[in-house]
N, C-alpha and C. Protein backbone atom coordinates (compact mmCIF):
# COMPACT_ATOMS: atom_id res chain seq x y z
N MET A 1 0.67 -0.73 -0.11
CA MET A 1 0.07 0.49 0.46
C MET A 1 0.76 1.24 0.06
N SER A 2 0.70 2.18 -0.78
CA SER A 2 1.23 3.36 -0.67
C SER A 2 0.95 4.11 0.74
N GLU A 3 2.02 5.02 0.59
CA GLU A 3 2.19 5.84 2.43
C GLU A 3 0.48 6.50 2.60
N ARG A 4 0.01 7.30 1.46
CA ARG A 4 -1.03 8.32 1.35
C ARG A 4 -1.95 6.82 0.65
N PRO A 5 -2.98 6.83 1.66
CA PRO A 5 -3.90 5.23 1.52
C PRO A 5 -4.65 6.47 0.71
N VAL A 6 -5.88 5.62 -0.33
CA VAL A 6 -6.33 6.01 -1.62
C VAL A 6 -7.25 5.19 -1.21
N ILE A 7 -8.41 6.46 -0.63
CA ILE A 7 -9.67 5.44 -0.28
C ILE A 7 -11.33 5.63 -1.40
N LEU A 8 -12.18 4.74 -1.96
CA LEU A 8 -12.84 5.67 -3.01
C LEU A 8 -14.52 5.68 -1.87
N ILE A 9 -15.26 6.62 -2.01
CA ILE A 9 -16.25 6.83 -1.14
C ILE A 9 -17.31 6.92 -2.98
N ALA A 10 -18.43 5.27 -2.26
CA ALA A 10 -18.80 5.45 -3.51
C ALA A 10 -20.61 5.63 -2.97
N ASP A 11 -21.21 6.63 -3.14
CA ASP A 11 -22.58 7.49 -2.51
C ASP A 11 -22.93 8.46 -2.89
N ASP A 12 -24.39 7.90 -3.74
CA ASP A 12 -24.47 9.79 -4.53
C ASP A 12 -25.84 10.61 -3.66
N ASN A 13 -25.27 10.08 -2.39
CA ASN A 13 -25.57 11.04 -1.81
C ASN A 13 -24.50 12.20 -1.43
N GLU A 14 -24.37 13.67 -1.68
CA GLU A 14 -23.45 14.60 -1.68
C GLU A 14 -22.71 15.08 -0.07
N ASP A 15 -23.98 14.60 0.58
CA ASP A 15 -23.78 15.05 2.18
C ASP A 15 -23.03 14.01 2.68
N VAL A 16 -23.25 12.80 2.33
CA VAL A 16 -22.89 11.76 2.76
C VAL A 16 -21.25 12.17 2.38
N VAL A 17 -21.80 12.47 1.21
CA VAL A 17 -19.51 12.21 0.67
C VAL A 17 -18.93 13.23 1.95
N LEU A 18 -19.24 14.79 2.05
CA LEU A 18 -18.70 15.82 1.76
C LEU A 18 -18.11 15.73 4.10
N LEU A 19 -19.55 14.37 4.56
CA LEU A 19 -19.20 14.10 5.81
C LEU A 19 -18.28 12.79 5.81
N LEU A 20 -17.63 12.26 5.49
CA LEU A 20 -17.11 10.85 5.47
C LEU A 20 -15.81 12.17 5.21
N ARG A 21 -15.89 12.82 4.08
CA ARG A 21 -14.83 13.55 3.92
C ARG A 21 -14.48 13.89 4.77
N THR A 22 -14.75 14.93 5.50
CA THR A 22 -14.25 15.58 6.60
C THR A 22 -14.34 14.69 7.77
N TYR A 23 -14.71 13.21 8.14
CA TYR A 23 -13.96 12.43 8.93
C TYR A 23 -13.00 11.72 8.70
N LEU A 24 -12.50 11.95 7.15
CA LEU A 24 -11.64 10.85 6.78
C LEU A 24 -10.30 11.72 7.22
N ARG A 25 -10.38 13.24 7.19
CA ARG A 25 -9.97 13.67 7.16
C ARG A 25 -8.19 13.95 8.23
N PRO A 26 -8.70 13.28 9.21
CA PRO A 26 -7.31 12.22 10.15
C PRO A 26 -6.57 11.50 9.02
N LEU A 27 -6.88 11.54 8.34
CA LEU A 27 -6.18 10.17 8.53
C LEU A 27 -5.40 10.42 7.07
N ASP A 28 -5.34 11.50 6.43
CA ASP A 28 -4.51 11.83 5.42
C ASP A 28 -4.68 11.16 4.47
N CYS A 29 -5.62 11.01 3.76
CA CYS A 29 -6.31 10.21 2.62
C CYS A 29 -6.54 10.54 1.37
N GLU A 30 -6.39 10.02 0.22
CA GLU A 30 -6.66 10.56 -0.97
C GLU A 30 -7.92 9.88 -1.64
N ILE A 31 -9.25 10.61 -1.12
CA ILE A 31 -10.13 10.18 -1.43
C ILE A 31 -10.88 10.55 -2.96
N LEU A 32 -11.53 9.15 -3.20
CA LEU A 32 -12.07 8.87 -4.80
C LEU A 32 -13.97 8.92 -4.64
N VAL A 33 -14.19 9.59 -5.40
CA VAL A 33 -15.53 9.99 -5.36
C VAL A 33 -16.12 8.87 -6.81
N ALA A 34 -17.53 7.82 -6.14
CA ALA A 34 -18.21 7.63 -7.76
C ALA A 34 -19.76 7.37 -7.03
N THR A 35 -20.95 7.71 -8.33
CA THR A 35 -21.96 8.80 -7.65
C THR A 35 -23.35 7.38 -7.88
N ASP A 36 -22.76 6.45 -7.67
CA ASP A 36 -24.01 5.10 -8.79
C ASP A 36 -22.58 3.72 -8.85
N GLY A 37 -23.18 3.10 -8.90
CA GLY A 37 -22.65 1.75 -8.49
C GLY A 37 -21.77 1.00 -9.46
N GLU A 38 -21.94 1.28 -10.70
CA GLU A 38 -21.33 1.04 -12.05
C GLU A 38 -19.93 2.45 -12.26
N GLU A 39 -20.26 3.72 -11.63
CA GLU A 39 -18.88 3.76 -11.75
C GLU A 39 -17.90 3.20 -10.11
N ALA A 40 -18.47 3.39 -9.30
CA ALA A 40 -18.09 2.45 -8.02
C ALA A 40 -17.06 1.62 -8.66
N LEU A 41 -17.51 0.72 -9.42
CA LEU A 41 -16.81 -0.50 -10.20
C LEU A 41 -15.85 -0.24 -11.47
N THR A 42 -16.20 1.06 -12.19
CA THR A 42 -15.01 1.42 -13.15
C THR A 42 -13.91 1.55 -12.04
N VAL A 43 -14.27 2.84 -11.18
CA VAL A 43 -13.26 3.49 -10.17
C VAL A 43 -12.60 2.28 -10.21
N ALA A 44 -12.63 1.30 -8.93
CA ALA A 44 -12.81 0.47 -7.96
C ALA A 44 -11.07 -0.42 -8.96
N GLN A 45 -11.35 -0.46 -10.22
CA GLN A 45 -10.55 -1.15 -10.95
C GLN A 45 -10.14 -0.96 -11.30
N ALA A 46 -10.28 0.39 -12.27
CA ALA A 46 -8.72 1.02 -12.19
C ALA A 46 -8.02 1.92 -11.67
N ARG A 47 -8.62 1.68 -10.35
CA ARG A 47 -7.42 2.69 -9.00
C ARG A 47 -6.93 1.76 -8.35
N LEU A 48 -7.60 0.27 -7.89
CA LEU A 48 -7.02 -0.04 -6.97
C LEU A 48 -6.93 0.56 -5.66
N PRO A 49 -8.04 1.04 -5.41
CA PRO A 49 -7.93 1.31 -3.36
C PRO A 49 -7.75 0.87 -2.79
N ASP A 50 -7.11 1.76 -1.93
CA ASP A 50 -6.81 0.66 -0.25
C ASP A 50 -7.84 0.30 0.49
N LEU A 51 -8.94 0.98 0.35
CA LEU A 51 -10.64 0.25 0.71
C LEU A 51 -12.12 0.83 0.38
N VAL A 52 -13.14 1.07 0.41
CA VAL A 52 -14.31 1.73 -0.75
C VAL A 52 -14.80 1.03 0.76
N LEU A 53 -15.52 2.86 0.75
CA LEU A 53 -16.48 3.06 1.39
C LEU A 53 -17.82 2.91 0.29
N LEU A 54 -18.77 1.88 0.34
CA LEU A 54 -20.42 1.18 -0.28
C LEU A 54 -21.35 2.24 0.47
N ASP A 55 -22.06 2.69 -0.35
CA ASP A 55 -23.40 3.00 0.34
C ASP A 55 -24.32 1.60 -0.40
N VAL A 56 -25.36 0.91 0.31
CA VAL A 56 -25.42 0.28 -0.34
C VAL A 56 -27.03 0.54 -0.89
N MET A 57 -27.46 1.48 -1.05
CA MET A 57 -28.25 1.97 -2.14
C MET A 57 -28.04 3.09 -3.19
N MET A 58 -27.30 2.15 -3.77
CA MET A 58 -27.33 3.76 -4.93
C MET A 58 -27.71 2.97 -6.35
N PRO A 59 -28.22 3.95 -7.34
CA PRO A 59 -28.65 4.48 -8.38
C PRO A 59 -27.83 3.23 -9.42
N LYS A 60 -28.04 2.58 -10.04
CA LYS A 60 -27.37 1.14 -11.51
C LYS A 60 -27.02 0.18 -10.96
N ARG A 61 -26.32 -0.14 -9.70
CA ARG A 61 -26.22 -1.17 -9.38
C ARG A 61 -26.27 -1.25 -7.75
N SER A 62 -26.82 -1.36 -7.14
CA SER A 62 -26.75 -1.38 -5.60
C SER A 62 -25.33 -1.65 -4.66
N GLY A 63 -25.41 -1.25 -3.29
CA GLY A 63 -23.74 -1.48 -3.32
C GLY A 63 -22.87 -3.24 -2.53
N TRP A 64 -24.38 -3.92 -2.53
CA TRP A 64 -24.32 -5.44 -1.88
C TRP A 64 -23.54 -5.50 -3.51
N GLU A 65 -24.67 -5.13 -4.97
CA GLU A 65 -23.86 -6.45 -5.78
C GLU A 65 -22.31 -5.55 -6.25
N VAL A 66 -22.23 -4.64 -6.29
CA VAL A 66 -21.04 -4.38 -6.23
C VAL A 66 -19.56 -4.17 -5.30
N CYS A 67 -20.24 -4.58 -4.09
CA CYS A 67 -19.42 -5.66 -2.65
C CYS A 67 -19.22 -6.61 -3.75
N GLN A 68 -20.09 -7.70 -3.88
CA GLN A 68 -20.35 -8.70 -5.19
C GLN A 68 -19.28 -9.34 -5.36
N THR A 69 -19.38 -8.30 -6.55
CA THR A 69 -18.16 -8.10 -8.01
C THR A 69 -17.48 -7.45 -7.83
N LEU A 70 -16.83 -6.44 -6.61
CA LEU A 70 -15.47 -6.52 -6.56
C LEU A 70 -14.31 -7.70 -5.57
N LYS A 71 -15.46 -8.70 -4.74
CA LYS A 71 -14.91 -9.37 -3.74
C LYS A 71 -14.85 -10.92 -5.07
N SER A 72 -15.48 -11.18 -6.14
CA SER A 72 -15.00 -12.08 -7.28
C SER A 72 -14.26 -11.80 -8.05
N LEU A 73 -13.74 -10.38 -7.72
CA LEU A 73 -12.80 -10.12 -8.83
C LEU A 73 -11.66 -10.30 -7.92
N PRO A 74 -10.28 -11.48 -8.77
CA PRO A 74 -9.11 -11.50 -8.20
C PRO A 74 -8.28 -10.26 -8.31
N ARG A 75 -8.64 -9.68 -8.93
CA ARG A 75 -7.61 -8.11 -9.23
C ARG A 75 -8.53 -7.40 -7.92
N THR A 76 -9.53 -7.15 -7.45
CA THR A 76 -9.75 -6.49 -6.13
C THR A 76 -10.58 -6.97 -4.91
N ALA A 77 -10.63 -8.06 -5.39
CA ALA A 77 -11.39 -8.82 -3.91
C ALA A 77 -10.15 -8.80 -2.71
N HIS A 78 -8.62 -8.43 -2.88
CA HIS A 78 -8.49 -8.04 -1.71
C HIS A 78 -8.55 -6.40 -0.70
N ILE A 79 -9.38 -5.94 -1.40
CA ILE A 79 -9.13 -4.79 -1.63
C ILE A 79 -10.72 -4.42 -0.06
N PRO A 80 -10.02 -3.36 0.78
CA PRO A 80 -11.50 -4.33 1.85
C PRO A 80 -12.71 -3.27 1.52
N VAL A 81 -13.77 -3.64 1.81
CA VAL A 81 -15.18 -3.74 1.45
C VAL A 81 -16.18 -3.03 2.68
N VAL A 82 -16.33 -1.69 3.14
CA VAL A 82 -16.92 -0.58 4.45
C VAL A 82 -18.56 -0.30 3.22
N LEU A 83 -20.17 -1.59 3.81
CA LEU A 83 -20.82 -1.20 3.28
C LEU A 83 -22.08 -0.10 4.56
N VAL A 84 -21.81 0.89 3.42
CA VAL A 84 -22.86 1.80 4.79
C VAL A 84 -24.26 2.49 4.14
N THR A 85 -25.06 1.95 5.28
CA THR A 85 -26.37 2.11 4.81
C THR A 85 -27.26 2.66 6.00
N GLY A 86 -28.84 3.72 5.92
CA GLY A 86 -29.53 3.60 6.83
C GLY A 86 -29.96 3.03 7.86
N ARG A 87 -30.01 1.83 7.67
CA ARG A 87 -30.49 0.48 8.21
C ARG A 87 -29.35 -0.28 8.92
N GLY A 88 -29.81 -0.55 10.11
CA GLY A 88 -28.79 -1.34 10.69
C GLY A 88 -29.65 -3.02 11.49
N ASP A 89 -30.44 -3.15 10.73
CA ASP A 89 -30.88 -4.54 11.00
C ASP A 89 -30.22 -5.84 11.21
N VAL A 90 -30.46 -6.89 11.41
CA VAL A 90 -29.60 -8.25 11.09
C VAL A 90 -29.26 -7.99 9.75
N LYS A 91 -31.01 -7.70 9.42
CA LYS A 91 -30.72 -8.48 7.54
C LYS A 91 -30.24 -8.13 7.07
N ASP A 92 -30.18 -7.01 7.53
CA ASP A 92 -28.99 -6.56 5.96
C ASP A 92 -27.47 -6.41 6.62
N ARG A 93 -27.31 -6.89 7.59
CA ARG A 93 -25.80 -7.15 8.09
C ARG A 93 -25.52 -8.44 7.52
N LEU A 94 -26.45 -9.30 7.96
CA LEU A 94 -26.48 -10.32 7.53
C LEU A 94 -25.32 -10.81 6.37
N THR A 95 -26.90 -9.92 4.86
CA THR A 95 -26.65 -9.39 3.62
C THR A 95 -25.29 -9.57 3.07
N GLY A 96 -24.41 -8.50 3.91
CA GLY A 96 -22.93 -7.34 3.34
C GLY A 96 -22.05 -8.23 4.16
N LEU A 97 -22.07 -9.55 4.91
CA LEU A 97 -21.28 -10.73 5.05
C LEU A 97 -21.14 -11.12 3.83
N GLN A 98 -22.84 -11.63 3.50
CA GLN A 98 -22.33 -12.99 2.38
C GLN A 98 -21.76 -12.23 1.40
N VAL A 99 -22.31 -11.37 1.11
CA VAL A 99 -21.50 -10.47 -0.68
C VAL A 99 -20.42 -10.21 -0.17
N GLY A 100 -18.81 -10.65 1.04
CA GLY A 100 -18.19 -10.23 1.15
C GLY A 100 -17.47 -8.80 2.06
N ALA A 101 -18.82 -7.94 2.51
CA ALA A 101 -18.28 -7.04 2.85
C ALA A 101 -17.16 -7.51 4.43
N ASP A 102 -16.11 -6.70 4.86
CA ASP A 102 -15.31 -6.15 5.57
C ASP A 102 -15.82 -5.81 7.08
N ASP A 103 -17.30 -4.84 6.67
CA ASP A 103 -17.63 -3.90 8.29
C ASP A 103 -18.76 -3.68 7.83
N TYR A 104 -19.38 -2.90 8.24
CA TYR A 104 -20.42 -1.87 7.81
C TYR A 104 -20.98 -1.03 9.21
N LEU A 105 -20.98 0.61 8.19
CA LEU A 105 -21.40 1.38 8.80
C LEU A 105 -22.87 2.02 8.80
N VAL A 106 -23.24 2.38 10.21
CA VAL A 106 -25.11 2.58 9.75
C VAL A 106 -24.75 4.56 10.32
N LYS A 107 -25.79 4.04 9.13
CA LYS A 107 -26.08 5.95 9.31
C LYS A 107 -26.46 6.42 10.44
N PRO A 108 -27.04 7.12 11.15
CA PRO A 108 -25.92 8.39 11.26
C PRO A 108 -24.53 8.05 11.58
N PHE A 109 -23.38 8.35 11.06
CA PHE A 109 -21.81 7.95 11.82
C PHE A 109 -21.91 8.47 13.34
N ASP A 110 -20.75 8.21 13.77
CA ASP A 110 -20.34 8.45 14.79
C ASP A 110 -18.83 8.28 14.15
N ARG A 111 -17.74 9.82 14.39
CA ARG A 111 -16.78 9.91 14.02
C ARG A 111 -15.83 9.50 14.43
N ASN A 112 -15.56 9.59 15.42
CA ASN A 112 -14.35 8.39 16.45
C ASN A 112 -14.61 7.02 15.64
N GLU A 113 -15.93 6.22 15.62
CA GLU A 113 -16.09 4.85 15.53
C GLU A 113 -15.65 4.84 13.80
N VAL A 114 -16.24 6.09 13.06
CA VAL A 114 -15.99 5.59 11.89
C VAL A 114 -13.98 5.85 11.10
N VAL A 115 -13.50 6.44 12.02
CA VAL A 115 -11.93 6.87 11.63
C VAL A 115 -11.50 5.81 12.73
N LYS A 116 -11.88 4.84 13.61
CA LYS A 116 -11.20 3.57 14.64
C LYS A 116 -11.09 2.59 13.30
N ARG A 117 -12.16 2.21 13.10
CA ARG A 117 -12.96 1.37 11.65
C ARG A 117 -11.85 1.12 11.11
N ILE A 118 -12.12 2.43 10.48
CA ILE A 118 -11.32 2.47 8.37
C ILE A 118 -9.80 2.17 8.69
N GLN A 119 -9.33 3.08 10.40
CA GLN A 119 -7.59 2.64 9.85
C GLN A 119 -7.86 1.38 10.74
N ALA A 120 -7.60 0.32 11.84
CA ALA A 120 -7.68 -0.90 10.95
C ALA A 120 -8.19 -1.40 10.47
N LEU A 121 -8.77 -1.43 9.07
CA LEU A 121 -9.12 -2.11 7.89
C LEU A 121 -7.37 -1.59 7.51
N LEU A 122 -7.42 -0.43 7.26
CA LEU A 122 -6.18 -0.21 6.79
C LEU A 122 -4.61 0.03 6.98
N ASN A 123 -4.45 -0.78 8.07
CA ASN A 123 -3.76 -1.38 8.79
C ASN A 123 -3.33 -3.07 8.92
N ARG A 124 -4.74 -3.70 8.87
CA ARG A 124 -5.05 -5.14 8.10
C ARG A 124 -4.45 -5.27 7.08
N LYS A 125 -4.65 -4.18 6.18
CA LYS A 125 -4.77 -4.16 4.53
C LYS A 125 -2.58 -3.56 4.43
N ARG A 126 -2.24 -2.90 5.04
CA ARG A 126 -0.88 -3.24 5.08
C ARG A 126 0.21 -4.09 5.57
N GLU A 127 -0.82 -5.01 6.09
CA GLU A 127 0.40 -5.64 6.93
C GLU A 127 0.42 -7.50 6.24
N GLN A 128 -0.59 -7.52 5.44
CA GLN A 128 -1.20 -8.92 4.48
C GLN A 128 -0.20 -8.57 2.99
N PRO A 129 0.58 -9.37 2.65
CA PRO A 129 1.00 -9.32 1.18
C PRO A 129 0.49 -8.98 0.57
N ALA A 130 1.49 -7.90 -0.70
CA ALA A 130 1.20 -7.62 -1.83
C ALA A 130 0.12 -8.73 -3.38
N PRO A 131 -1.03 -9.13 -3.37
CA PRO A 131 -1.57 -10.14 -4.00
C PRO A 131 -0.96 -10.81 -5.57
N ALA A 132 -0.14 -11.42 -5.54
CA ALA A 132 0.93 -11.90 -6.40
C ALA A 132 0.34 -11.93 -7.25
N GLU A 133 0.60 -11.26 -8.48
CA GLU A 133 0.69 -10.87 -10.09
C GLU A 133 0.59 -12.36 -11.03
N GLU A 134 -0.44 -13.20 -11.79
CA GLU A 134 -0.32 -14.15 -12.58
C GLU A 134 1.82 -13.90 -13.27
N PRO A 135 1.99 -15.07 -13.40
CA PRO A 135 3.70 -14.92 -13.91
C PRO A 135 2.79 -15.31 -15.22
N GLU A 136 4.04 -14.37 -16.46
CA GLU A 136 3.47 -14.46 -17.81
C GLU A 136 4.17 -15.91 -18.68
N ARG A 137 3.05 -16.72 -19.06
CA ARG A 137 3.25 -17.78 -19.27
C ARG A 137 3.99 -17.63 -20.38
N LEU A 138 5.67 -18.03 -20.33
CA LEU A 138 6.55 -18.01 -21.78
C LEU A 138 6.40 -19.68 -22.51
N GLU A 139 6.28 -19.69 -23.75
CA GLU A 139 6.11 -20.95 -24.11
C GLU A 139 7.30 -21.14 -24.19
N ALA A 140 7.71 -22.96 -24.64
CA ALA A 140 9.00 -23.09 -24.26
C ALA A 140 8.96 -23.52 -25.57
N PRO A 141 10.83 -22.75 -26.11
CA PRO A 141 11.13 -23.64 -27.00
C PRO A 141 11.03 -24.46 -27.92
N ALA A 142 10.35 -25.23 -29.28
CA ALA A 142 10.26 -26.85 -30.00
C ALA A 142 11.79 -26.94 -28.77
N PRO A 143 12.24 -28.08 -28.51
CA PRO A 143 13.14 -29.00 -28.57
C PRO A 143 13.63 -29.62 -29.81
N ALA A 144 14.97 -29.70 -30.19
CA ALA A 144 15.48 -29.93 -31.71
C ALA A 144 14.61 -30.92 -32.13
N CYS A 145 14.50 -31.96 -32.93
CA CYS A 145 13.82 -33.29 -33.22
C CYS A 145 14.98 -33.84 -33.42
N THR A 146 15.40 -35.21 -32.38
CA THR A 146 16.63 -35.80 -32.02
C THR A 146 16.99 -37.02 -33.59
N PHE A 147 15.62 -37.86 -33.61
CA PHE A 147 15.05 -38.38 -34.33
C PHE A 147 15.35 -37.92 -35.67
N CYS A 148 14.43 -36.37 -36.20
CA CYS A 148 14.75 -36.82 -37.00
C CYS A 148 16.59 -36.23 -38.08
N GLY A 149 17.13 -35.80 -36.75
CA GLY A 149 18.30 -35.19 -37.44
C GLY A 149 19.12 -35.88 -37.40
N ARG A 150 19.18 -37.19 -36.51
CA ARG A 150 19.46 -38.70 -37.03
C ARG A 150 19.69 -39.82 -38.05
N ARG A 151 17.78 -38.84 -38.18
CA ARG A 151 17.64 -39.36 -39.73
C ARG A 151 18.38 -38.92 -40.92
N ALA A 152 18.07 -37.28 -41.08
CA ALA A 152 18.45 -36.72 -41.66
C ALA A 152 20.80 -36.22 -42.11
N ILE A 153 21.22 -36.98 -40.42
CA ILE A 153 22.40 -37.40 -40.43
C ILE A 153 22.45 -38.90 -41.09
N GLY A 154 21.60 -39.40 -41.24
CA GLY A 154 21.93 -41.19 -41.44
C GLY A 154 21.67 -40.92 -43.00
N GLY A 155 20.63 -40.18 -43.58
CA GLY A 155 20.58 -40.12 -45.44
C GLY A 155 21.60 -39.25 -46.02
N ILE A 156 21.89 -38.83 -45.25
CA ILE A 156 23.46 -38.10 -46.30
C ILE A 156 24.41 -38.36 -46.16
N THR A 157 24.50 -39.22 -44.75
CA THR A 157 26.12 -39.86 -44.83
C THR A 157 25.75 -40.91 -45.55
N SER A 158 24.95 -41.26 -45.50
CA SER A 158 24.83 -42.79 -46.84
C SER A 158 24.84 -42.63 -47.91
N HIS A 159 24.19 -41.29 -48.70
CA HIS A 159 24.24 -40.85 -49.59
C HIS A 159 26.00 -40.32 -49.31
N LEU A 160 26.46 -40.04 -48.98
CA LEU A 160 27.57 -39.32 -49.15
C LEU A 160 28.73 -40.78 -48.80
N SER A 161 28.14 -41.78 -48.62
CA SER A 161 29.78 -43.19 -48.31
C SER A 161 29.45 -44.10 -49.61
N ARG A 162 28.16 -43.59 -50.02
CA ARG A 162 28.26 -43.88 -51.92
C ARG A 162 29.20 -43.86 -53.03
N ARG A 163 28.82 -42.16 -52.62
CA ARG A 163 30.19 -41.68 -53.75
C ARG A 163 30.90 -41.49 -52.89
N CYS A 164 31.86 -41.67 -52.02
CA CYS A 164 33.00 -41.68 -51.46
C CYS A 164 33.24 -43.06 -51.18
N ARG A 165 32.79 -44.25 -50.92
CA ARG A 165 32.92 -45.43 -50.49
C ARG A 165 34.57 -45.77 -50.89
N GLY A 166 35.90 -45.86 -49.25
CA GLY A 166 36.94 -46.43 -49.64
C GLY A 166 37.98 -44.65 -49.08
N LEU A 167 37.15 -43.51 -48.57
CA LEU A 167 37.68 -42.91 -48.51
C LEU A 167 38.12 -42.87 -46.79
N GLU A 168 38.57 -42.55 -46.02
CA GLU A 168 39.04 -42.62 -44.71
C GLU A 168 38.08 -41.62 -44.51
N ARG A 169 37.71 -40.52 -44.82
CA ARG A 169 37.12 -39.27 -43.79
C ARG A 169 36.21 -38.35 -45.36
N VAL A 170 35.18 -38.02 -44.77
CA VAL A 170 34.06 -37.57 -45.80
C VAL A 170 34.05 -35.85 -45.51
N SER A 171 34.54 -34.75 -46.17
CA SER A 171 34.86 -33.75 -45.60
C SER A 171 33.46 -32.96 -45.72
N MET A 172 32.62 -31.78 -45.18
CA MET A 172 31.30 -31.63 -45.09
C MET A 172 31.56 -30.46 -46.01
N ALA A 173 32.23 -30.28 -46.66
CA ALA A 173 32.48 -29.06 -47.64
C ALA A 173 31.58 -29.91 -49.56
N THR A 174 31.27 -31.27 -49.32
CA THR A 174 30.81 -32.09 -50.28
C THR A 174 29.32 -32.13 -49.86
N LEU A 175 29.11 -31.77 -49.04
CA LEU A 175 27.38 -31.73 -48.43
C LEU A 175 27.09 -30.04 -49.69
N THR A 176 25.35 -30.86 -50.86
CA THR A 176 24.87 -30.05 -50.71
C THR A 176 24.14 -28.74 -50.64
N ASP A 177 24.20 -27.47 -51.22
CA ASP A 177 22.99 -26.76 -50.14
C ASP A 177 22.24 -27.37 -49.67
N GLU A 178 20.87 -28.47 -50.42
CA GLU A 178 19.95 -28.58 -49.53
C GLU A 178 21.21 -30.15 -48.32
N GLN A 179 20.93 -30.45 -48.68
CA GLN A 179 21.52 -31.56 -47.53
C GLN A 179 21.80 -30.81 -46.40
N ARG A 180 22.91 -28.97 -46.24
CA ARG A 180 22.84 -28.36 -45.47
C ARG A 180 21.76 -28.17 -44.73
N GLU A 181 21.24 -27.64 -45.46
CA GLU A 181 19.69 -27.16 -45.15
C GLU A 181 18.47 -27.83 -44.07
N GLN A 182 18.92 -29.37 -44.78
CA GLN A 182 18.43 -30.10 -43.79
C GLN A 182 19.04 -30.53 -42.31
N LEU A 183 20.41 -30.86 -42.70
CA LEU A 183 21.06 -30.71 -41.08
C LEU A 183 20.46 -29.01 -40.31
N GLN A 184 20.36 -28.04 -41.11
CA GLN A 184 19.70 -26.76 -40.33
C GLN A 184 18.79 -27.21 -39.33
N THR A 185 17.66 -27.76 -40.16
CA THR A 185 15.46 -27.34 -39.76
C THR A 185 15.83 -28.79 -38.77
N ALA A 186 17.14 -29.93 -39.22
CA ALA A 186 16.41 -31.30 -37.80
C ALA A 186 17.12 -29.89 -36.73
N GLY A 187 18.27 -29.60 -36.37
CA GLY A 187 18.28 -28.64 -35.03
C GLY A 187 19.55 -28.65 -35.19
N PHE A 188 20.47 -29.03 -35.48
CA PHE A 188 21.95 -29.59 -35.79
C PHE A 188 23.05 -28.09 -36.45
N ASP A 189 23.93 -27.97 -35.46
CA ASP A 189 24.74 -26.12 -35.55
C ASP A 189 25.74 -27.62 -37.17
N LEU A 190 26.50 -27.12 -37.68
CA LEU A 190 26.66 -28.00 -38.86
C LEU A 190 28.27 -27.51 -38.35
N GLU A 191 28.49 -26.40 -38.07
CA GLU A 191 30.37 -26.49 -37.57
C GLU A 191 30.74 -26.68 -36.36
N ALA A 192 29.14 -27.36 -35.83
CA ALA A 192 29.89 -28.10 -34.28
C ALA A 192 30.13 -29.43 -34.87
N ILE A 193 29.24 -29.72 -35.62
CA ILE A 193 29.54 -31.79 -36.22
C ILE A 193 30.27 -31.49 -36.59
N ASP A 194 31.15 -33.27 -36.03
CA ASP A 194 32.46 -33.42 -36.16
C ASP A 194 32.58 -34.59 -37.29
N GLU A 195 33.09 -34.07 -38.08
CA GLU A 195 33.32 -34.87 -39.28
C GLU A 195 33.92 -36.02 -38.97
N ASP A 196 34.28 -36.54 -37.88
CA ASP A 196 34.61 -37.79 -37.85
C ASP A 196 32.97 -38.98 -37.83
N SER A 197 32.19 -38.37 -37.05
CA SER A 197 30.74 -38.98 -37.95
C SER A 197 30.32 -39.17 -38.47
N LEU A 198 30.86 -38.15 -39.77
CA LEU A 198 30.42 -38.58 -41.22
C LEU A 198 31.08 -40.06 -41.59
N ALA A 199 32.65 -39.86 -41.11
CA ALA A 199 33.70 -41.13 -41.66
C ALA A 199 34.00 -42.03 -40.92
N GLY A 200 32.65 -42.32 -40.19
CA GLY A 200 32.26 -43.77 -38.51
C GLY A 200 30.58 -44.12 -40.05
N GLU A 201 31.15 -43.82 -41.15
CA GLU A 201 29.24 -44.74 -41.56
C GLU A 201 29.78 -46.77 -42.19
N SER A 202 28.58 -47.06 -42.08
CA SER A 202 29.40 -48.38 -41.74
C SER A 202 28.39 -48.50 -43.49
N ALA A 203 28.91 -49.62 -43.87
CA ALA A 203 28.69 -50.16 -44.83
C ALA A 203 26.87 -50.83 -44.81
N ASP A 204 25.94 -50.43 -43.77
CA ASP A 204 24.46 -50.42 -44.55
C ASP A 204 24.49 -49.09 -44.31
N GLY A 205 24.66 -48.01 -43.84
CA GLY A 205 24.03 -47.17 -44.51
C GLY A 205 23.89 -45.92 -42.44
N ARG A 206 24.71 -46.68 -41.34
CA ARG A 206 23.91 -46.36 -40.39
C ARG A 206 25.52 -45.61 -39.50
N VAL A 207 25.18 -45.07 -39.17
CA VAL A 207 25.75 -43.75 -38.70
C VAL A 207 26.56 -45.05 -37.66
N SER A 208 28.09 -44.66 -36.52
CA SER A 208 28.82 -45.15 -35.68
C SER A 208 28.46 -44.35 -34.36
N ARG A 209 28.10 -45.30 -33.38
CA ARG A 209 28.15 -43.82 -31.97
C ARG A 209 29.78 -43.81 -31.42
């Protein structure tokens, strides 16, 4: 978490937003504001705030829907969400827990309660390790086809053996361009191939090992 916490206040009531801004001033936070549920989702996913204060009754999407969506996404699941409502009955609190809310604030607010609860959640988040990003998956390069390479060498050496039978060594310089290309396609470094492997061709065309 950054040195200056970022808090998103999602509420369509300007008076409530202003009041929460005032209460949170001692925490020295950067405040983001959203006035409906869809905007709250957009801002939260774009800015990844350190905490979200989410009004339950908002246009377009309710606070419960927004909270459930944030908690279901790997990118935002770690962000503490505090539901804000004018009703504090048991049913509403249970609904908040079911959608993954971390805390619940009931209007009218008590200044000290707001500050203490928000500070506690920020401290808890600061102590948690940052979520690990999924490592980029890199495809491993295709290995050289050893079997195909051996067949290529076998075919080439057999051809050269028929042409140069009786010689003690067969020079790589006698390979045609097509034969060189076959070896390179099979993954072999022509400069690194031991010329003695060509001279070891037996009468039946197998490469001696």
